[in-house]
Amino acid sequence: MRVSSLLTAALASLVLAQPHVAPREGGSEEQQVAKLIEEIKADVLQSLHQREETMRKRGEQASCNARNIVFRREYGSLSKQERLNYIEAVKCLQKLPTRTPQSVAAGAKSRFDDFVVVHIQQTLDIHFSGVFQPWHRWFLHRYEKALREECGYEGYQPYWDWAKYHTAPEKSPIFNGDAYSLGGNGDFIPHQGPVIVPPAGVGGGNIQLPAGVGGGFVTAGPFANMTINLGPVGGLEGTAPGPDGGLGYNPRRLKRDVGPAMNTRYANYTTVLSKMAGSWAFGTEANTSSVDLLFKPDIASYRLLSEGVPYTIEIGPHGGIHYTISGDPGGDLFTSPGDPAFWVHHGMMDRMWTFWQALDPKKRHSELSGGNYGHITWANSPPSRKALLSDPINMGYAAESTTIGEVMDTLGGPLCYFYI
């Protein structure tokens, strides 16, 4: 199938999959999103083909073209066999020996843990900073590469369409606990919900979040017997840190507290596609329904909507979905990659950024350092310089490192993928 027809069908399915919403002035949100997706599709295809043609005229070959581009898909859209293949690859990574020296992290016992270690080590540098989006994009790419090259996985990293399941994420194909899920929710334990606490040296106050409908150990699905080796580090009231600042060996069972409260509040259809694509477009916070205004928001506005304000109740879809998973290690900011659901969540984070970039690629494939989140310290505290495209993305012992500039475009450099 030609890449153009594949993208046409796939991107159109994004609209069809969304819940119905009431029409607004200027057409329904679904109609406005359909127009937006057509623009994204046209821009992506034009960019891909133009780039290849330009390089061909110079006697060069494009590293990413219509013949080798790959597509990441929504977890629930995968066939049962494809989901099983993904699950088995994750389990394989959890069985392979670690590459992290025990002198660095005595708790690392597997290749899967290597990725948790590097996230723990850099958490306060890679959130609310200019490196956040590109760092996690490369993190996800190298995790996908490990699944494929070290565990024989033939697919690509799936994502979690937050809005699609927002009224009952615990019943979604990701968490329903069947053989094709990423494990079930935690067993129900009556509780008040987590209180998140800022890490040492980070401003803000404690935040009480609503409870999910779990809270206990995961006892169903492929990861029911999973052992967490690292963490916790900090961030939840009443939770003591693990040995060696979370890098020591601390074996325990997986817990989750999945439920609709956080998902509905921060990542339903309106808050994701209206706010992240632009409340300016859909009239949720401004009196306009003109999709053309989508071209005005800058990276500072986008990230404030996407990531929220740290240690206030407005934590945005990024934090909102982390605390939709919640539990242990999902509720720990540092150790959260230790829950297999982390990776589908960050697949959606990268998907939204990829679509946003595609609206104005000439500008947005280099737009990095706007606002307080564009510096090299957490929300520019303490004050620091802006992040640069030449700044490194350090993967420690988990994978090869790179620079921010190398990963700003999913159709260039070492990357060649798009989302459907």
Protein backbone atom coordinates (compact mmCIF):
# COMPACT_ATOMS: atom_id res chain seq x y z
CA MET A 1 0.00 0.00 0.00
CA ARG A 2 1.30 3.47 -0.81
CA VAL A 3 2.27 5.51 2.22
CA SER A 4 -0.21 8.23 1.23
CA SER A 5 -3.19 5.88 1.23
CA LEU A 6 -2.01 4.25 4.47
CA LEU A 7 -1.75 7.58 6.21
CA THR A 8 -5.11 8.67 4.81
CA ALA A 9 -6.89 5.64 6.22
CA ALA A 10 -5.01 5.61 9.50
CA LEU A 11 -5.31 9.28 10.33
CA ALA A 12 -8.98 9.31 9.38
CA SER A 13 -9.52 6.52 11.93
CA LEU A 14 -8.34 8.89 14.67
CA VAL A 15 -11.48 10.96 14.14
CA LEU A 16 -13.82 7.96 13.93
CA ALA A 17 -12.47 6.51 17.16
CA GLN A 18 -13.28 9.56 19.28
CA PRO A 19 -16.42 9.84 21.43
CA HIS A 20 -19.24 12.00 20.17
CA VAL A 21 -19.18 15.61 21.38
CA ALA A 22 -21.81 18.28 21.10
CA PRO A 23 -21.45 20.63 18.10
CA ARG A 24 -20.00 24.06 18.69
CA GLU A 25 -20.19 27.17 16.61
CA GLY A 26 -18.26 26.58 13.41
CA GLY A 27 -18.95 22.82 13.26
CA SER A 28 -18.47 19.91 15.64
CA GLU A 29 -15.14 19.22 17.26
CA GLU A 30 -14.97 16.05 15.19
CA GLN A 31 -15.29 18.06 11.99
CA GLN A 32 -12.63 20.50 13.12
CA VAL A 33 -10.30 17.67 14.10
CA ALA A 34 -10.92 16.03 10.71
CA LYS A 35 -9.78 19.22 9.03
CA LEU A 36 -6.75 19.43 11.29
CA ILE A 37 -5.77 15.83 10.53
CA GLU A 38 -6.06 16.42 6.79
CA GLU A 39 -3.65 19.32 7.17
CA ILE A 40 -1.27 17.19 9.25
CA LYS A 41 -1.42 14.37 6.71
CA ALA A 42 -0.74 16.71 3.80
CA ASP A 43 2.19 18.35 5.57
CA VAL A 44 3.75 15.02 6.56
CA LEU A 45 3.45 13.51 3.09
CA GLN A 46 4.71 16.64 1.39
CA SER A 47 7.65 16.86 3.77
CA LEU A 48 8.57 13.21 3.31
CA HIS A 49 8.42 13.23 -0.49
CA GLN A 50 10.01 16.67 -0.89
CA ARG A 51 12.89 15.74 1.35
CA GLU A 52 13.52 12.55 -0.59
CA GLU A 53 13.37 14.36 -3.94
CA THR A 54 15.72 17.13 -2.78
CA MET A 55 18.28 14.60 -1.57
CA ARG A 56 17.92 12.52 -4.72
CA LYS A 57 18.84 15.54 -6.84
CA ARG A 58 21.99 15.93 -4.75
CA GLY A 59 22.86 12.29 -5.33
CA GLU A 60 21.99 11.37 -1.75
CA GLN A 61 19.52 8.92 -0.32
CA ALA A 62 17.02 9.94 2.36
CA SER A 63 17.31 7.82 5.48
CA CYS A 64 13.52 8.03 5.95
CA ASN A 65 11.24 7.58 2.95
CA ALA A 66 7.88 6.18 1.89
CA ARG A 67 9.32 2.67 1.75
CA ASN A 68 10.82 2.38 5.23
CA ILE A 69 8.67 4.66 7.40
CA VAL A 70 7.01 2.74 10.26
CA PHE A 71 3.77 3.45 12.08
CA ARG A 72 3.04 3.27 15.78
CA ARG A 73 -0.51 2.21 16.59
CA GLU A 74 -2.98 2.39 19.46
CA TYR A 75 -2.71 -0.56 21.85
CA GLY A 76 -6.35 -1.60 21.56
CA SER A 77 -6.16 -1.57 17.75
CA LEU A 78 -3.49 -4.28 17.75
CA SER A 79 -4.66 -7.82 17.12
CA LYS A 80 -4.61 -10.22 20.05
CA GLN A 81 -1.52 -11.88 18.62
CA GLU A 82 0.21 -8.52 18.18
CA ARG A 83 -0.53 -7.65 21.81
CA LEU A 84 0.80 -11.01 22.94
CA ASN A 85 3.96 -10.44 20.91
CA TYR A 86 4.47 -7.07 22.59
CA ILE A 87 3.85 -8.51 26.07
CA GLU A 88 6.31 -11.35 25.48
CA ALA A 89 8.96 -8.88 24.31
CA VAL A 90 8.54 -6.80 27.47
CA LYS A 91 8.82 -9.97 29.59
CA CYS A 92 11.91 -10.94 27.62
CA LEU A 93 13.53 -7.59 28.42
CA GLN A 94 12.75 -8.22 32.09
CA LYS A 95 14.68 -11.50 31.92
CA LEU A 96 17.78 -10.32 30.05
CA PRO A 97 20.80 -9.40 32.21
CA THR A 98 21.34 -5.80 33.19
CA ARG A 99 24.06 -3.67 31.62
CA THR A 100 24.16 -1.29 34.58
CA PRO A 101 27.12 -1.97 36.93
CA GLN A 102 26.05 -3.02 40.41
CA SER A 103 28.26 -0.24 41.74
CA VAL A 104 25.92 2.22 39.99
CA ALA A 105 22.58 0.60 40.86
CA ALA A 106 22.60 -2.58 42.93
CA GLY A 107 18.85 -2.91 42.37
CA ALA A 108 19.09 -3.25 38.58
CA LYS A 109 18.56 -6.91 37.70
CA SER A 110 17.47 -6.80 34.04
CA ARG A 111 17.64 -4.86 30.76
CA PHE A 112 14.20 -3.51 31.63
CA ASP A 113 15.69 -2.12 34.84
CA ASP A 114 18.44 -0.36 32.88
CA PHE A 115 15.77 2.02 31.53
CA VAL A 116 14.35 2.58 34.99
CA VAL A 117 17.80 3.43 36.38
CA VAL A 118 18.56 6.14 33.85
CA HIS A 119 15.15 7.73 34.45
CA ILE A 120 15.72 7.71 38.22
CA GLN A 121 19.15 9.28 37.81
CA GLN A 122 17.93 12.15 35.62
CA THR A 123 14.35 12.80 36.76
CA LEU A 124 15.00 16.29 38.09
CA ASP A 125 16.77 17.29 34.86
CA ILE A 126 14.37 15.77 32.31
CA HIS A 127 11.03 17.12 33.53
CA PHE A 128 9.74 20.67 33.10
CA SER A 129 12.97 21.40 31.22
CA GLY A 130 13.91 21.88 27.58
CA VAL A 131 15.09 18.29 27.34
CA PHE A 132 11.77 16.73 28.49
CA GLN A 133 10.13 16.02 25.13
CA PRO A 134 13.20 15.04 23.10
CA TRP A 135 14.66 13.00 25.99
CA HIS A 136 11.51 10.92 26.36
CA ARG A 137 11.18 10.57 22.58
CA TRP A 138 14.66 9.03 22.40
CA PHE A 139 14.02 7.00 25.56
CA LEU A 140 10.93 5.48 23.95
CA HIS A 141 12.74 4.87 20.65
CA ARG A 142 15.63 3.04 22.32
CA TYR A 143 13.24 0.96 24.42
CA GLU A 144 11.43 0.00 21.21
CA LYS A 145 14.78 -0.83 19.61
CA ALA A 146 15.72 -3.06 22.56
CA LEU A 147 12.41 -4.92 22.28
CA ARG A 148 13.01 -5.49 18.59
CA GLU A 149 16.72 -6.21 18.45
CA GLU A 150 17.22 -8.00 21.78
CA CYS A 151 13.88 -9.77 22.13
CA GLY A 152 12.80 -10.44 18.55
CA TYR A 153 9.74 -8.16 18.62
CA GLU A 154 8.61 -7.44 15.06
CA GLY A 155 6.13 -4.67 15.84
CA TYR A 156 6.57 -1.11 17.07
CA GLN A 157 5.84 0.71 20.31
CA PRO A 158 2.06 1.11 20.78
CA TYR A 159 0.43 4.07 22.50
CA TRP A 160 -2.47 4.58 24.92
CA ASP A 161 -5.24 6.74 23.47
CA TRP A 162 -6.15 8.41 26.76
CA ALA A 163 -9.39 9.99 25.56
CA LYS A 164 -10.76 6.79 24.06
CA TYR A 165 -11.05 5.08 27.45
CA HIS A 166 -11.32 8.04 29.80
CA THR A 167 -14.62 7.06 31.45
CA ALA A 168 -13.28 3.66 32.54
CA PRO A 169 -9.57 3.17 31.81
CA GLU A 170 -9.51 0.14 34.12
CA LYS A 171 -11.76 -1.63 31.60
CA SER A 172 -9.64 -0.70 28.58
CA PRO A 173 -7.61 -3.26 26.62
CA ILE A 174 -4.57 -1.96 28.50
CA PHE A 175 -5.78 -2.67 32.04
CA ASN A 176 -8.70 -5.12 31.84
CA GLY A 177 -6.54 -7.97 33.13
CA ASP A 178 -7.08 -10.38 30.27
CA ALA A 179 -4.24 -12.30 28.62
CA TYR A 180 -3.75 -9.54 26.03
CA SER A 181 -3.58 -6.61 28.46
CA LEU A 182 -0.63 -5.04 30.25
CA GLY A 183 -2.00 -6.58 33.42
CA GLY A 184 -5.06 -5.68 35.45
CA ASN A 185 -5.77 -2.93 37.91
CA GLY A 186 -4.71 -3.36 41.49
CA ASP A 187 -7.13 -5.18 43.79
CA PHE A 188 -9.57 -2.72 45.32
CA ILE A 189 -8.57 -1.29 48.68
CA PRO A 190 -10.66 1.57 50.17
CA HIS A 191 -8.42 4.64 50.33
CA GLN A 192 -8.44 8.41 49.97
CA GLY A 193 -6.09 8.70 47.01
CA PRO A 194 -2.43 9.68 46.87
CA VAL A 195 -0.90 12.87 48.19
CA ILE A 196 1.95 13.92 45.92
CA VAL A 197 4.88 15.69 47.54
CA PRO A 198 7.50 17.82 45.76
CA PRO A 199 11.01 16.32 45.66
CA ALA A 200 13.64 18.00 47.80
CA GLY A 201 14.66 21.35 46.33
CA VAL A 202 11.55 21.68 44.15
CA GLY A 203 8.98 24.34 44.93
CA GLY A 204 5.24 23.78 45.41
CA GLY A 205 2.98 22.19 47.96
CA ASN A 206 1.45 18.80 48.64
CA ILE A 207 -1.46 17.88 46.37
CA GLN A 208 -4.27 15.51 47.31
CA LEU A 209 -5.42 13.56 44.25
CA PRO A 210 -8.61 11.51 43.90
CA ALA A 211 -8.47 7.77 44.38
CA GLY A 212 -8.71 5.25 41.59
CA VAL A 213 -10.70 2.03 41.88
CA GLY A 214 -7.75 -0.21 42.73
CA GLY A 215 -4.89 0.51 45.09
CA GLY A 216 -3.63 -3.00 45.82
CA PHE A 217 -1.51 -5.59 44.08
CA VAL A 218 -2.05 -6.49 40.43
CA THR A 219 -3.39 -10.05 40.52
CA ALA A 220 -4.66 -10.54 36.96
CA GLY A 221 -3.12 -10.51 33.51
CA PRO A 222 0.38 -11.01 32.12
CA PHE A 223 2.17 -8.89 34.75
CA ALA A 224 0.34 -10.19 37.83
CA ASN A 225 3.53 -11.78 39.17
CA MET A 226 5.88 -9.01 38.12
CA THR A 227 8.57 -7.97 40.58
CA ILE A 228 9.61 -4.33 40.95
CA ASN A 229 13.30 -4.14 41.81
CA LEU A 230 14.04 -0.40 42.07
CA GLY A 231 12.65 2.54 44.00
CA PRO A 232 10.62 4.12 45.29
CA VAL A 233 12.52 7.39 45.34
CA GLY A 234 10.01 9.94 46.54
CA GLY A 235 6.99 12.01 45.71
CA LEU A 236 4.20 10.31 47.67
CA GLU A 237 3.29 11.16 51.24
CA GLY A 238 3.84 8.26 53.62
CA THR A 239 6.04 6.33 51.20
CA ALA A 240 9.54 5.67 52.45
CA PRO A 241 12.31 5.71 49.83
CA GLY A 242 14.02 2.49 48.90
CA PRO A 243 17.68 1.74 49.66
CA ASP A 244 20.46 3.77 48.03
CA GLY A 245 18.08 6.55 47.07
CA GLY A 246 15.92 4.13 45.11
CA LEU A 247 18.80 2.54 43.20
CA GLY A 248 19.23 -0.33 45.66
CA TYR A 249 17.53 -3.72 45.51
CA ASN A 250 13.99 -3.53 46.87
CA PRO A 251 11.92 -6.43 45.44
CA ARG A 252 8.13 -6.08 45.75
CA ARG A 253 4.95 -6.69 43.78
CA LEU A 254 3.36 -4.37 41.23
CA LYS A 255 0.52 -2.15 42.47
CA ARG A 256 -1.91 0.01 40.49
CA ASP A 257 -4.78 2.35 41.25
CA VAL A 258 -6.34 2.90 37.82
CA GLY A 259 -9.66 4.74 37.65
CA PRO A 260 -11.59 7.38 35.72
CA ALA A 261 -11.24 10.44 37.97
CA MET A 262 -7.80 11.60 36.84
CA ASN A 263 -8.24 10.44 33.24
CA THR A 264 -11.55 12.27 32.86
CA ARG A 265 -10.25 15.42 34.54
CA TYR A 266 -7.02 15.77 32.57
CA ALA A 267 -7.20 13.67 29.42
CA ASN A 268 -10.71 13.30 28.02
CA TYR A 269 -11.50 14.10 24.41
CA THR A 270 -11.87 17.83 25.00
CA THR A 271 -8.89 18.33 27.28
CA VAL A 272 -6.56 16.36 25.01
CA LEU A 273 -7.56 17.26 21.48
CA SER A 274 -9.07 20.65 22.23
CA LYS A 275 -6.50 21.91 24.72
CA MET A 276 -3.37 20.25 23.41
CA ALA A 277 -4.19 20.98 19.80
CA GLY A 278 -5.35 24.38 21.01
CA SER A 279 -8.23 25.70 23.07
CA TRP A 280 -7.83 28.60 20.66
CA ALA A 281 -9.32 26.33 18.00
CA PHE A 282 -12.27 24.78 19.76
CA GLY A 283 -13.41 27.64 21.93
CA THR A 284 -12.94 25.88 25.27
CA GLU A 285 -11.11 28.82 26.79
CA ALA A 286 -11.44 31.47 24.12
CA ASN A 287 -14.33 32.73 21.99
CA THR A 288 -13.29 31.25 18.68
CA SER A 289 -13.66 28.04 16.75
CA SER A 290 -11.24 28.90 13.97
CA VAL A 291 -8.84 26.00 13.46
CA ASP A 292 -6.47 28.42 11.67
CA LEU A 293 -5.54 29.84 15.06
CA LEU A 294 -3.82 26.53 15.78
CA PHE A 295 -0.83 27.96 13.99
CA LYS A 296 -0.30 30.66 16.63
CA PRO A 297 0.55 28.74 19.86
CA ASP A 298 4.23 28.38 20.60
CA ILE A 299 6.09 25.63 22.43
CA ALA A 300 5.70 27.41 25.79
CA SER A 301 1.90 27.42 25.44
CA TYR A 302 1.84 23.84 24.23
CA ARG A 303 3.94 22.54 27.10
CA LEU A 304 2.01 24.44 29.75
CA LEU A 305 -1.16 22.73 28.52
CA SER A 306 0.48 19.33 28.09
CA GLU A 307 2.50 19.14 31.30
CA GLY A 308 0.57 21.48 33.56
CA VAL A 309 2.03 23.39 36.48
CA PRO A 310 4.13 21.19 38.79
CA TYR A 311 2.81 20.71 42.31
CA THR A 312 -0.45 22.49 41.71
CA ILE A 313 -3.76 20.81 40.93
CA GLU A 314 -3.32 21.72 37.24
CA ILE A 315 -0.92 18.88 36.45
CA GLY A 316 -2.05 18.43 32.83
CA PRO A 317 -2.41 15.22 30.79
CA HIS A 318 1.19 14.16 31.43
CA GLY A 319 0.90 14.05 35.20
CA GLY A 320 -2.81 13.26 35.06
CA ILE A 321 -2.21 9.99 33.25
CA HIS A 322 0.78 9.03 35.39
CA TYR A 323 -1.55 9.31 38.38
CA THR A 324 -4.27 7.47 36.49
CA ILE A 325 -1.87 4.50 36.61
CA SER A 326 -0.66 5.44 40.11
CA GLY A 327 0.29 2.68 42.54
CA ASP A 328 3.86 1.38 42.76
CA PRO A 329 5.99 2.16 40.82
CA GLY A 330 3.57 4.10 38.59
CA GLY A 331 2.88 6.77 41.21
CA ASP A 332 6.56 7.48 41.79
CA LEU A 333 7.83 10.21 39.48
CA PHE A 334 11.32 8.71 39.39
CA THR A 335 10.57 4.99 39.12
CA SER A 336 7.46 5.17 36.90
CA PRO A 337 9.08 3.44 33.86
CA GLY A 338 9.07 0.30 36.00
CA ASP A 339 5.36 -0.13 35.20
CA PRO A 340 4.90 -1.44 31.63
CA ALA A 341 2.02 1.04 31.21
CA PHE A 342 4.52 3.93 31.35
CA TRP A 343 5.61 3.18 27.81
CA VAL A 344 2.18 3.33 26.19
CA HIS A 345 1.45 6.55 28.09
CA HIS A 346 4.60 8.20 26.79
CA GLY A 347 3.79 6.86 23.34
CA MET A 348 0.71 9.09 23.44
CA MET A 349 2.73 12.00 24.82
CA ASP A 350 5.07 11.70 21.86
CA ARG A 351 2.17 11.24 19.45
CA MET A 352 0.54 14.52 20.50
CA TRP A 353 3.84 16.39 20.19
CA THR A 354 4.49 14.77 16.79
CA PHE A 355 1.09 15.94 15.51
CA TRP A 356 1.61 19.43 16.96
CA GLN A 357 5.04 19.68 15.30
CA ALA A 358 3.59 18.53 11.97
CA LEU A 359 1.27 21.55 11.86
CA ASP A 360 4.28 23.83 11.28
CA PRO A 361 7.35 21.62 10.85
CA LYS A 362 9.71 24.29 9.59
CA LYS A 363 9.34 26.14 12.88
CA ARG A 364 8.39 23.40 15.31
CA HIS A 365 11.15 20.94 14.46
CA SER A 366 13.56 23.44 15.97
CA GLU A 367 11.28 25.16 18.51
CA LEU A 368 12.51 23.98 21.87
CA SER A 369 13.16 26.48 24.58
CA GLY A 370 10.14 28.73 25.11
CA GLY A 371 8.93 29.67 28.58
CA ASN A 372 10.13 28.42 31.95
CA TYR A 373 10.07 24.84 30.69
CA GLY A 374 12.68 25.63 28.06
CA HIS A 375 15.65 25.87 30.42
CA ILE A 376 18.00 23.14 31.61
CA THR A 377 16.64 23.14 35.18
CA TRP A 378 13.20 22.11 36.45
CA ALA A 379 10.86 25.02 35.55
CA ASN A 380 13.96 27.25 35.46
CA SER A 381 14.60 26.82 39.18
CA PRO A 382 17.34 27.63 39.93
CA PRO A 383 17.64 30.02 36.97
CA SER A 384 19.60 28.49 34.11
CA ARG A 385 20.32 28.90 30.43
CA LYS A 386 17.94 27.77 27.71
CA ALA A 387 18.27 24.26 26.31
CA LEU A 388 20.08 23.98 22.97
CA LEU A 389 19.64 21.60 20.06
CA SER A 390 23.26 20.59 20.60
CA ASP A 391 22.64 19.52 24.21
CA PRO A 392 23.12 15.80 24.88
CA ILE A 393 20.43 13.23 25.60
CA ASN A 394 22.17 10.87 28.00
CA MET A 395 20.89 7.28 28.15
CA GLY A 396 23.46 6.05 30.65
CA TYR A 397 23.83 2.27 30.45
CA ALA A 398 20.38 1.78 28.92
CA ALA A 399 21.20 2.74 25.34
CA GLU A 400 23.24 4.96 23.05
CA SER A 401 23.10 8.68 23.72
CA THR A 402 22.41 11.41 21.17
CA THR A 403 21.63 15.14 20.99
CA ILE A 404 18.33 16.98 21.14
CA GLY A 405 18.65 18.17 17.55
CA GLU A 406 18.85 14.60 16.27
CA VAL A 407 15.38 13.70 17.52
CA MET A 408 13.29 16.79 16.88
CA ASP A 409 11.84 15.30 13.69
CA THR A 410 10.40 11.77 13.67
CA LEU A 411 11.02 11.65 9.91
CA GLY A 412 14.69 12.59 10.05
CA GLY A 413 18.03 11.80 11.63
CA PRO A 414 18.01 8.34 13.21
CA LEU A 415 14.18 8.29 13.36
CA CYS A 416 11.64 7.24 10.76
CA TYR A 417 8.17 6.80 12.23
CA PHE A 418 4.76 8.39 12.48
CA TYR A 419 1.61 7.75 14.50
CA ILE A 420 -1.75 6.47 13.31
